[in-house]
Amino acid sequence: MMDVFWTLPPVSRTITAMAVCVSALGYGGIINLSRYIFAMPYVFTTKMFPQLWRPFTAFLITKPQFGILLDPYFLYQYGSSIERESSRFSQPGDFFVYTMFVASVIVATAGGILNGYTFLPALSLAYAYTFAQDNPTRSVSFFIIKFDAKYLPFAMLFMTFIIDGPEAALAHITGLLAAHLYDFLTRIWPTFGGGTNYIRTPQMVQRWFGAAPGSVQNRGYGHAVQGRGRAAGAPGSGAQPSTGTTTGASTRWGGLGPGRRLGD
């Protein structure tokens, strides 16, 4: 099972696993969840050491009872889908930067303006919105109902409104707004408004999530093979430049003889 776990999309699997663990420990009475919720007086304070972990741990608390299964399910279902398949997150670390951006907007709006305490459902809604933007006509199942993915965020909001009330639905809307703001700043404004996309993945973050040279990364639209990098073939480095081989290339294959192109 651990081998399977490490093959899952890294950001989605980490948030989901931590949310299940923290929530299970909290609702099981082992830890006190009041120390993990977002509370502005404890974060922005000079009277005591600021509890800076709260903006992060507030994304790891599910709703009680059946929510401890349902909330992580929605989070992973749509988060892993866009982390693995979306072409907008083609570079290593892109999805991490996206998650950090929408999470920051959620904290500022749901926490700073609406005085919310937990943000995991809002993050799930942000993932669902981006999933719907990428796959508007894809058929999805929401409990026992099937419809196009473009209606998915609104179905989730409607369910929240019916079950948890208008205040909870309003807090969840911040996830939709955060995901739309990311889409506007990175795609709509640069493409149609002639603006500049300032939300880029830093080189350091790309190195965190970069795959080892020669490894194959499965993507929803194909496979990506990580190269050796430019430094290997730099002049004066003494290293041989990396080369790619394909079927029919005129190189020796396993020392058995020269390869020849079809038709030669």
Protein backbone atom coordinates (compact mmCIF):
# COMPACT_ATOMS: atom_id res chain seq x y z
CA MET A 1 0.00 0.00 0.00
CA MET A 2 2.88 2.38 0.70
CA ASP A 3 4.26 1.73 -2.78
CA VAL A 4 0.89 2.72 -4.23
CA PHE A 5 0.73 5.78 -1.98
CA TRP A 6 4.06 7.14 -3.27
CA THR A 7 2.90 6.82 -6.87
CA LEU A 8 -0.06 9.14 -6.27
CA PRO A 9 0.10 12.88 -7.12
CA PRO A 10 2.28 14.36 -4.34
CA VAL A 11 0.36 17.49 -3.33
CA SER A 12 -3.10 15.93 -3.35
CA ARG A 13 -2.03 12.78 -1.55
CA THR A 14 -0.19 14.74 1.16
CA ILE A 15 -3.04 17.13 1.95
CA THR A 16 -5.61 14.31 1.90
CA ALA A 17 -3.57 12.00 4.13
CA MET A 18 -2.82 14.76 6.64
CA ALA A 19 -6.48 15.84 6.70
CA VAL A 20 -7.62 12.30 7.46
CA CYS A 21 -5.03 11.87 10.21
CA VAL A 22 -5.59 15.24 11.91
CA SER A 23 -9.38 15.00 11.74
CA ALA A 24 -9.45 11.40 12.97
CA LEU A 25 -7.20 12.26 15.90
CA GLY A 26 -9.27 15.33 16.71
CA TYR A 27 -12.72 13.75 16.55
CA GLY A 28 -11.33 10.73 18.37
CA GLY A 29 -10.39 12.93 21.32
CA ILE A 30 -6.64 12.36 21.01
CA ILE A 31 -5.77 15.94 20.05
CA ASN A 32 -7.57 19.24 20.62
CA LEU A 33 -8.70 20.63 17.27
CA SER A 34 -9.15 24.10 18.78
CA ARG A 35 -5.37 24.44 18.52
CA TYR A 36 -5.49 23.79 14.77
CA ILE A 37 -8.37 25.94 13.57
CA PHE A 38 -7.77 29.41 12.14
CA ALA A 39 -8.18 32.16 14.73
CA MET A 40 -6.94 35.63 13.87
CA PRO A 41 -6.24 36.75 17.49
CA TYR A 42 -3.75 33.90 17.84
CA VAL A 43 -2.10 34.40 14.44
CA PHE A 44 -1.79 38.19 14.25
CA THR A 45 -0.74 39.13 17.76
CA THR A 46 2.11 40.76 19.64
CA LYS A 47 0.97 39.65 23.09
CA MET A 48 2.25 36.13 22.56
CA PHE A 49 4.25 34.14 20.04
CA PRO A 50 2.10 34.05 16.86
CA GLN A 51 0.66 30.61 16.16
CA LEU A 52 1.66 30.65 12.51
CA TRP A 53 0.69 27.04 11.89
CA ARG A 54 -3.02 27.80 12.09
CA PRO A 55 -3.46 29.09 8.49
CA PHE A 56 -2.07 25.74 7.31
CA THR A 57 -3.72 23.32 9.73
CA ALA A 58 -7.12 24.92 9.12
CA PHE A 59 -7.02 23.13 5.73
CA LEU A 60 -6.64 19.76 7.47
CA ILE A 61 -9.91 19.68 9.46
CA THR A 62 -12.94 18.01 7.93
CA LYS A 63 -16.52 18.17 9.05
CA PRO A 64 -17.45 15.60 11.75
CA GLN A 65 -19.07 12.20 11.32
CA PHE A 66 -19.55 11.33 7.63
CA GLY A 67 -17.60 14.44 6.63
CA ILE A 68 -14.34 12.79 7.70
CA LEU A 69 -14.74 10.54 4.65
CA LEU A 70 -16.65 12.79 2.28
CA ASP A 71 -14.44 15.89 2.52
CA PRO A 72 -11.13 14.09 1.81
CA TYR A 73 -12.83 12.18 -1.01
CA PHE A 74 -13.83 15.37 -2.83
CA LEU A 75 -10.45 16.94 -2.12
CA TYR A 76 -8.49 14.05 -3.60
CA GLN A 77 -10.97 13.25 -6.38
CA TYR A 78 -10.65 16.61 -8.10
CA GLY A 79 -7.24 17.67 -6.77
CA SER A 80 -5.45 14.58 -8.03
CA SER A 81 -7.28 14.79 -11.35
CA ILE A 82 -6.04 18.28 -12.19
CA GLU A 83 -2.62 17.68 -10.64
CA ARG A 84 -2.13 14.68 -12.92
CA GLU A 85 -4.06 15.64 -16.05
CA SER A 86 -4.33 19.42 -16.38
CA SER A 87 -2.10 20.92 -19.08
CA ARG A 88 -1.91 24.18 -17.11
CA PHE A 89 0.23 22.38 -14.51
CA SER A 90 2.74 20.90 -16.94
CA GLN A 91 5.92 21.91 -15.07
CA PRO A 92 7.05 20.37 -11.75
CA GLY A 93 5.69 22.42 -8.86
CA ASP A 94 3.00 24.26 -10.85
CA PHE A 95 0.18 22.60 -8.93
CA PHE A 96 1.88 23.37 -5.61
CA VAL A 97 2.06 27.08 -6.52
CA TYR A 98 -1.59 26.99 -7.60
CA THR A 99 -2.59 25.40 -4.30
CA MET A 100 -0.61 27.95 -2.29
CA PHE A 101 -2.22 30.82 -4.22
CA VAL A 102 -5.82 29.67 -3.82
CA ALA A 103 -5.18 28.75 -0.19
CA SER A 104 -3.84 32.26 0.50
CA VAL A 105 -6.92 33.84 -1.06
CA ILE A 106 -9.19 31.54 0.96
CA VAL A 107 -7.42 32.45 4.21
CA ALA A 108 -7.67 36.17 3.41
CA THR A 109 -11.36 36.04 2.50
CA ALA A 110 -12.92 33.17 4.45
CA GLY A 111 -10.68 33.71 7.46
CA GLY A 112 -9.94 37.43 7.40
CA ILE A 113 -13.29 38.75 6.18
CA LEU A 114 -15.85 36.06 7.06
CA ASN A 115 -14.14 34.91 10.29
CA GLY A 116 -14.11 31.28 9.19
CA TYR A 117 -12.24 28.62 11.15
CA THR A 118 -11.70 25.72 8.72
CA PHE A 119 -11.01 25.87 4.99
CA LEU A 120 -10.77 22.33 3.60
CA PRO A 121 -14.21 22.36 1.86
CA ALA A 122 -13.36 25.70 0.23
CA LEU A 123 -10.12 24.21 -1.13
CA SER A 124 -12.07 21.21 -2.44
CA LEU A 125 -14.43 23.59 -4.23
CA ALA A 126 -11.45 25.43 -5.75
CA TYR A 127 -10.12 22.14 -7.12
CA ALA A 128 -13.59 21.24 -8.45
CA TYR A 129 -13.89 24.62 -10.19
CA THR A 130 -10.54 24.23 -11.94
CA PHE A 131 -11.46 20.66 -12.88
CA ALA A 132 -14.72 21.94 -14.37
CA GLN A 133 -12.88 24.67 -16.30
CA ASP A 134 -10.58 22.07 -17.85
CA ASN A 135 -13.32 19.51 -18.54
CA PRO A 136 -16.59 21.44 -19.03
CA THR A 137 -18.39 18.72 -21.03
CA ARG A 138 -17.00 15.73 -19.16
CA SER A 139 -19.68 13.62 -17.51
CA VAL A 140 -19.32 13.41 -13.73
CA SER A 141 -21.28 11.61 -11.04
CA PHE A 142 -22.31 13.52 -7.96
CA PHE A 143 -23.82 10.97 -5.60
CA ILE A 144 -26.51 9.43 -7.84
CA ILE A 145 -26.80 12.27 -10.38
CA LYS A 146 -24.81 12.59 -13.62
CA PHE A 147 -24.24 15.88 -15.41
CA ASP A 148 -21.55 17.90 -17.22
CA ALA A 149 -18.58 18.92 -15.10
CA LYS A 150 -19.26 22.62 -15.68
CA TYR A 151 -22.15 22.36 -13.22
CA LEU A 152 -20.10 20.54 -10.55
CA PRO A 153 -19.03 23.53 -8.38
CA PHE A 154 -22.59 24.80 -8.22
CA ALA A 155 -23.92 21.36 -7.27
CA MET A 156 -21.39 21.22 -4.43
CA LEU A 157 -22.40 24.69 -3.28
CA PHE A 158 -26.08 23.79 -3.40
CA MET A 159 -25.46 20.69 -1.29
CA THR A 160 -23.55 22.77 1.26
CA PHE A 161 -26.36 25.33 1.35
CA ILE A 162 -28.98 22.62 1.97
CA ILE A 163 -27.02 20.65 4.59
CA ASP A 164 -24.92 23.28 6.41
CA GLY A 165 -26.75 26.54 5.72
CA PRO A 166 -26.02 29.83 3.94
CA GLU A 167 -23.06 30.85 6.14
CA ALA A 168 -21.14 27.68 5.30
CA ALA A 169 -21.99 28.06 1.61
CA LEU A 170 -20.72 31.65 1.67
CA ALA A 171 -17.42 30.50 3.18
CA HIS A 172 -17.09 27.81 0.52
CA ILE A 173 -17.65 30.35 -2.26
CA THR A 174 -14.26 31.82 -1.38
CA GLY A 175 -12.69 28.68 -2.88
CA LEU A 176 -14.53 29.26 -6.14
CA LEU A 177 -13.46 32.92 -6.17
CA ALA A 178 -9.84 31.97 -5.44
CA ALA A 179 -9.72 29.44 -8.29
CA HIS A 180 -11.36 31.91 -10.69
CA LEU A 181 -8.87 34.62 -9.68
CA TYR A 182 -6.01 32.25 -10.45
CA ASP A 183 -7.57 31.43 -13.84
CA PHE A 184 -8.04 35.14 -14.57
CA LEU A 185 -4.48 36.13 -13.64
CA THR A 186 -2.73 33.23 -15.37
CA ARG A 187 -4.89 32.62 -18.45
CA ILE A 188 -7.69 35.08 -19.16
CA TRP A 189 -5.85 38.35 -18.57
CA PRO A 190 -2.60 37.39 -20.34
CA THR A 191 -4.43 35.76 -23.28
CA PHE A 192 -7.29 38.16 -23.91
CA GLY A 193 -6.25 41.34 -22.09
CA GLY A 194 -2.63 41.53 -23.12
CA GLY A 195 -1.47 41.41 -19.51
CA THR A 196 1.46 39.60 -17.91
CA ASN A 197 1.26 36.44 -15.88
CA TYR A 198 3.16 37.12 -12.66
CA ILE A 199 2.26 33.81 -11.00
CA ARG A 200 5.17 31.61 -11.98
CA THR A 201 6.75 28.59 -10.36
CA PRO A 202 10.14 29.50 -8.84
CA GLN A 203 13.15 27.42 -9.83
CA MET A 204 13.55 26.28 -6.24
CA VAL A 205 10.01 24.84 -6.20
CA GLN A 206 10.61 23.18 -9.56
CA ARG A 207 13.66 21.47 -8.09
CA TRP A 208 11.59 20.27 -5.12
CA PHE A 209 9.15 18.52 -7.42
CA GLY A 210 11.52 17.75 -10.30
CA ALA A 211 11.79 14.13 -11.35
CA ALA A 212 15.09 12.30 -11.61
CA PRO A 213 16.75 12.36 -15.05
CA GLY A 214 15.42 9.60 -17.29
CA SER A 215 12.31 8.95 -15.23
CA VAL A 216 8.91 8.79 -16.89
CA GLN A 217 6.10 11.00 -15.58
CA ASN A 218 2.58 9.89 -16.41
CA ARG A 219 0.35 12.73 -17.55
CA GLY A 220 -3.27 12.71 -18.61
CA TYR A 221 -2.25 13.70 -22.13
CA GLY A 222 0.82 11.43 -22.49
CA HIS A 223 4.17 10.70 -20.86
CA ALA A 224 7.04 13.08 -20.09
CA VAL A 225 10.63 11.84 -19.86
CA GLN A 226 12.85 14.02 -17.69
CA GLY A 227 16.07 15.02 -19.44
CA ARG A 228 19.55 15.21 -17.97
CA GLY A 229 19.67 19.00 -18.06
CA ARG A 230 21.78 21.43 -20.06
CA ALA A 231 24.78 21.39 -17.77
CA ALA A 232 25.83 17.88 -18.81
CA GLY A 233 26.81 18.99 -22.27
CA ALA A 234 28.13 22.46 -21.46
CA PRO A 235 31.36 23.39 -23.22
CA GLY A 236 34.39 22.76 -21.09
CA SER A 237 32.54 20.70 -18.54
CA GLY A 238 34.21 17.47 -19.59
CA ALA A 239 30.89 15.69 -19.63
CA GLN A 240 29.24 14.25 -22.67
CA PRO A 241 26.04 15.93 -23.81
CA SER A 242 22.88 13.97 -23.17
CA THR A 243 21.49 12.28 -26.23
CA GLY A 244 18.13 10.76 -26.93
CA THR A 245 17.77 7.51 -28.77
CA THR A 246 14.82 6.33 -30.74
CA THR A 247 13.95 3.21 -32.66
CA GLY A 248 16.03 3.17 -35.84
CA ALA A 249 18.72 5.58 -34.62
CA SER A 250 22.15 5.03 -36.17
CA THR A 251 23.87 4.12 -32.90
CA ARG A 252 25.02 0.83 -31.43
CA TRP A 253 22.30 -0.94 -29.53
CA GLY A 254 23.55 -2.91 -26.57
CA GLY A 255 26.87 -3.53 -28.38
CA LEU A 256 25.22 -5.98 -30.77
CA GLY A 257 25.80 -4.00 -33.92
CA PRO A 258 24.97 -0.75 -35.72
CA GLY A 259 21.36 0.25 -35.84
CA ARG A 260 19.96 0.96 -39.28
CA ARG A 261 16.95 2.95 -40.40
CA LEU A 262 14.08 1.15 -42.08
CA GLY A 263 14.65 1.07 -45.81
CA ASP A 264 18.47 1.33 -45.63
